Amino acid sequence: MSEHPTPIHRLDLKGLKCPLPALKTRKALLALGAGEQIDVICTDPMARIDIPHLVATLGDEMITQHEEADTLIFSIRRQAAKA
Protein backbone atom coordinates (compact mmCIF):
# COMPACT_ATOMS: atom_id res chain seq x y z
CA MET A 1 0.00 0.00 0.00
CA SER A 2 1.59 3.30 -1.07
CA GLU A 3 1.22 6.46 0.90
CA HIS A 4 -0.04 9.47 -1.06
CA PRO A 5 1.97 12.61 -0.34
CA THR A 6 0.05 15.46 1.20
CA PRO A 7 -0.11 18.44 -1.15
CA ILE A 8 1.83 21.52 -0.14
CA HIS A 9 -0.26 24.65 0.00
CA ARG A 10 1.26 28.02 -0.92
CA LEU A 11 0.44 31.40 0.62
CA ASP A 12 1.97 34.38 -1.22
CA LEU A 13 2.00 37.40 1.10
CA LYS A 14 4.61 39.47 -0.73
CA GLY A 15 4.07 43.20 -0.30
CA LEU A 16 1.90 42.92 2.82
CA LYS A 17 3.06 44.68 5.99
CA CYS A 18 2.73 43.78 9.66
CA PRO A 19 0.38 42.52 11.03
CA LEU A 20 -1.21 41.15 7.84
CA PRO A 21 1.31 38.34 7.11
CA ALA A 22 0.86 36.86 10.59
CA LEU A 23 -2.93 37.26 10.52
CA LYS A 24 -3.31 35.67 7.09
CA THR A 25 -0.89 32.87 7.99
CA ARG A 26 -2.90 32.13 11.15
CA LYS A 27 -6.14 31.96 9.17
CA ALA A 28 -4.55 29.65 6.58
CA LEU A 29 -3.04 27.36 9.23
CA LEU A 30 -6.33 27.01 11.08
CA ALA A 31 -8.01 25.96 7.82
CA LEU A 32 -5.52 23.12 7.25
CA GLY A 33 -5.96 19.55 8.40
CA ALA A 34 -3.45 17.80 10.66
CA GLY A 35 -0.26 16.96 8.79
CA GLU A 36 -0.88 19.35 5.91
CA GLN A 37 1.96 21.63 4.90
CA ILE A 38 1.98 25.25 3.75
CA ASP A 39 4.74 27.40 2.31
CA VAL A 40 4.37 31.04 3.31
CA ILE A 41 6.21 33.65 1.23
CA CYS A 42 6.66 37.14 2.73
CA THR A 43 8.65 40.30 2.13
CA ASP A 44 7.89 42.03 5.45
CA PRO A 45 11.04 41.92 7.65
CA MET A 46 8.88 41.60 10.79
CA ALA A 47 7.73 38.19 9.55
CA ARG A 48 11.14 36.84 10.70
CA ILE A 49 9.83 37.27 14.24
CA ASP A 50 6.05 37.09 13.83
CA ILE A 51 5.66 33.88 11.80
CA PRO A 52 7.89 31.64 13.99
CA HIS A 53 6.17 33.04 17.09
CA LEU A 54 2.75 32.29 15.58
CA VAL A 55 3.79 28.75 14.67
CA ALA A 56 5.05 28.09 18.21
CA THR A 57 1.91 29.59 19.75
CA LEU A 58 -0.36 27.38 17.64
CA GLY A 59 1.76 24.31 18.38
CA ASP A 60 2.55 23.70 14.73
CA GLU A 61 5.90 22.66 13.25
CA MET A 62 8.30 25.00 11.45
CA ILE A 63 9.89 22.65 8.91
CA THR A 64 12.23 25.18 7.30
CA GLN A 65 12.76 28.90 7.28
CA HIS A 66 15.05 30.65 4.81
CA GLU A 67 15.60 33.86 2.91
CA GLU A 68 16.11 34.40 -0.82
CA ALA A 69 17.08 38.01 -1.62
CA ASP A 70 14.39 40.06 0.19
CA THR A 71 11.89 37.20 0.37
CA LEU A 72 11.28 35.09 3.47
CA ILE A 73 10.03 31.55 2.95
CA PHE A 74 8.54 29.48 5.77
CA SER A 75 7.50 25.83 5.41
CA ILE A 76 5.05 24.91 8.15
CA ARG A 77 3.29 21.65 9.02
CA ARG A 78 -0.06 21.79 10.77
CA GLN A 79 -0.28 19.62 13.88
CA ALA A 80 -3.41 17.97 15.25
CA ALA A 81 -5.99 20.37 16.62
CA LYS A 82 -5.78 20.86 20.37
CA ALA A 83 -8.73 19.57 22.39
C-alpha atoms as a PDB file:
ATOM      1  CA  MET A   1       0.000   0.000   0.000  1.00  0.00           C
ATOM      2  CA  SER A   2       1.587   3.300  -1.067  1.00  0.00           C
ATOM      3  CA  GLU A   3       1.223   6.461   0.905  1.00  0.00           C
ATOM      4  CA  HIS A   4      -0.039   9.465  -1.064  1.00  0.00           C
ATOM      5  CA  PRO A   5       1.970  12.610  -0.343  1.00  0.00           C
ATOM      6  CA  THR A   6       0.050  15.460   1.203  1.00  0.00           C
ATOM      7  CA  PRO A   7      -0.107  18.440  -1.153  1.00  0.00           C
ATOM      8  CA  ILE A   8       1.833  21.515  -0.135  1.00  0.00           C
ATOM      9  CA  HIS A   9      -0.259  24.654   0.002  1.00  0.00           C
ATOM     10  CA  ARG A  10       1.258  28.018  -0.916  1.00  0.00           C
ATOM     11  CA  LEU A  11       0.444  31.404   0.618  1.00  0.00           C
ATOM     12  CA  ASP A  12       1.968  34.377  -1.224  1.00  0.00           C
ATOM     13  CA  LEU A  13       1.997  37.398   1.100  1.00  0.00           C
ATOM     14  CA  LYS A  14       4.611  39.466  -0.726  1.00  0.00           C
ATOM     15  CA  GLY A  15       4.073  43.195  -0.304  1.00  0.00           C
ATOM     16  CA  LEU A  16       1.902  42.925   2.821  1.00  0.00           C
ATOM     17  CA  LYS A  17       3.064  44.682   5.986  1.00  0.00           C
ATOM     18  CA  CYS A  18       2.733  43.781   9.662  1.00  0.00           C
ATOM     19  CA  PRO A  19       0.381  42.520  11.030  1.00  0.00           C
ATOM     20  CA  LEU A  20      -1.212  41.147   7.839  1.00  0.00           C
ATOM     21  CA  PRO A  21       1.306  38.340   7.110  1.00  0.00           C
ATOM     22  CA  ALA A  22       0.857  36.862  10.587  1.00  0.00           C
ATOM     23  CA  LEU A  23      -2.931  37.259  10.524  1.00  0.00           C
ATOM     24  CA  LYS A  24      -3.310  35.668   7.091  1.00  0.00           C
ATOM     25  CA  THR A  25      -0.891  32.874   7.995  1.00  0.00           C
ATOM     26  CA  ARG A  26      -2.898  32.128  11.151  1.00  0.00           C
ATOM     27  CA  LYS A  27      -6.135  31.963   9.173  1.00  0.00           C
ATOM     28  CA  ALA A  28      -4.550  29.652   6.580  1.00  0.00           C
ATOM     29  CA  LEU A  29      -3.039  27.362   9.229  1.00  0.00           C
ATOM     30  CA  LEU A  30      -6.327  27.008  11.083  1.00  0.00           C
ATOM     31  CA  ALA A  31      -8.010  25.961   7.817  1.00  0.00           C
ATOM     32  CA  LEU A  32      -5.521  23.115   7.249  1.00  0.00           C
ATOM     33  CA  GLY A  33      -5.956  19.555   8.404  1.00  0.00           C
ATOM     34  CA  ALA A  34      -3.449  17.805  10.663  1.00  0.00           C
ATOM     35  CA  GLY A  35      -0.262  16.956   8.789  1.00  0.00           C
ATOM     36  CA  GLU A  36      -0.882  19.346   5.909  1.00  0.00           C
ATOM     37  CA  GLN A  37       1.957  21.635   4.900  1.00  0.00           C
ATOM     38  CA  ILE A  38       1.979  25.250   3.752  1.00  0.00           C
ATOM     39  CA  ASP A  39       4.741  27.400   2.312  1.00  0.00           C
ATOM     40  CA  VAL A  40       4.370  31.042   3.312  1.00  0.00           C
ATOM     41  CA  ILE A  41       6.208  33.646   1.228  1.00  0.00           C
ATOM     42  CA  CYS A  42       6.656  37.142   2.734  1.00  0.00           C
ATOM     43  CA  THR A  43       8.647  40.303   2.135  1.00  0.00           C
ATOM     44  CA  ASP A  44       7.887  42.032   5.452  1.00  0.00           C
ATOM     45  CA  PRO A  45      11.036  41.925   7.651  1.00  0.00           C
ATOM     46  CA  MET A  46       8.879  41.604  10.793  1.00  0.00           C
ATOM     47  CA  ALA A  47       7.733  38.188   9.552  1.00  0.00           C
ATOM     48  CA  ARG A  48      11.136  36.838  10.703  1.00  0.00           C
ATOM     49  CA  ILE A  49       9.825  37.272  14.236  1.00  0.00           C
ATOM     50  CA  ASP A  50       6.049  37.085  13.825  1.00  0.00           C
ATOM     51  CA  ILE A  51       5.657  33.876  11.799  1.00  0.00           C
ATOM     52  CA  PRO A  52       7.891  31.640  13.993  1.00  0.00           C
ATOM     53  CA  HIS A  53       6.168  33.042  17.093  1.00  0.00           C
ATOM     54  CA  LEU A  54       2.749  32.295  15.583  1.00  0.00           C
ATOM     55  CA  VAL A  55       3.786  28.749  14.668  1.00  0.00           C
ATOM     56  CA  ALA A  56       5.047  28.088  18.206  1.00  0.00           C
ATOM     57  CA  THR A  57       1.907  29.593  19.749  1.00  0.00           C
ATOM     58  CA  LEU A  58      -0.360  27.384  17.639  1.00  0.00           C
ATOM     59  CA  GLY A  59       1.757  24.306  18.377  1.00  0.00           C
ATOM     60  CA  ASP A  60       2.546  23.700  14.725  1.00  0.00           C
ATOM     61  CA  GLU A  61       5.904  22.665  13.249  1.00  0.00           C
ATOM     62  CA  MET A  62       8.302  24.999  11.450  1.00  0.00           C
ATOM     63  CA  ILE A  63       9.892  22.652   8.913  1.00  0.00           C
ATOM     64  CA  THR A  64      12.227  25.177   7.300  1.00  0.00           C
ATOM     65  CA  GLN A  65      12.762  28.901   7.280  1.00  0.00           C
ATOM     66  CA  HIS A  66      15.052  30.648   4.809  1.00  0.00           C
ATOM     67  CA  GLU A  67      15.598  33.855   2.907  1.00  0.00           C
ATOM     68  CA  GLU A  68      16.108  34.402  -0.822  1.00  0.00           C
ATOM     69  CA  ALA A  69      17.075  38.008  -1.623  1.00  0.00           C
ATOM     70  CA  ASP A  70      14.388  40.062   0.192  1.00  0.00           C
ATOM     71  CA  THR A  71      11.887  37.202   0.368  1.00  0.00           C
ATOM     72  CA  LEU A  72      11.278  35.088   3.471  1.00  0.00           C
ATOM     73  CA  ILE A  73      10.026  31.549   2.951  1.00  0.00           C
ATOM     74  CA  PHE A  74       8.537  29.481   5.771  1.00  0.00           C
ATOM     75  CA  SER A  75       7.495  25.834   5.405  1.00  0.00           C
ATOM     76  CA  ILE A  76       5.048  24.915   8.154  1.00  0.00           C
ATOM     77  CA  ARG A  77       3.291  21.654   9.016  1.00  0.00           C
ATOM     78  CA  ARG A  78      -0.060  21.786  10.765  1.00  0.00           C
ATOM     79  CA  GLN A  79      -0.283  19.621  13.880  1.00  0.00           C
ATOM     80  CA  ALA A  80      -3.415  17.974  15.252  1.00  0.00           C
ATOM     81  CA  ALA A  81      -5.989  20.367  16.617  1.00  0.00           C
ATOM     82  CA  LYS A  82      -5.779  20.861  20.369  1.00  0.00           C
ATOM     83  CA  ALA A  83      -8.726  19.572  22.390  1.00  0.00           C
END
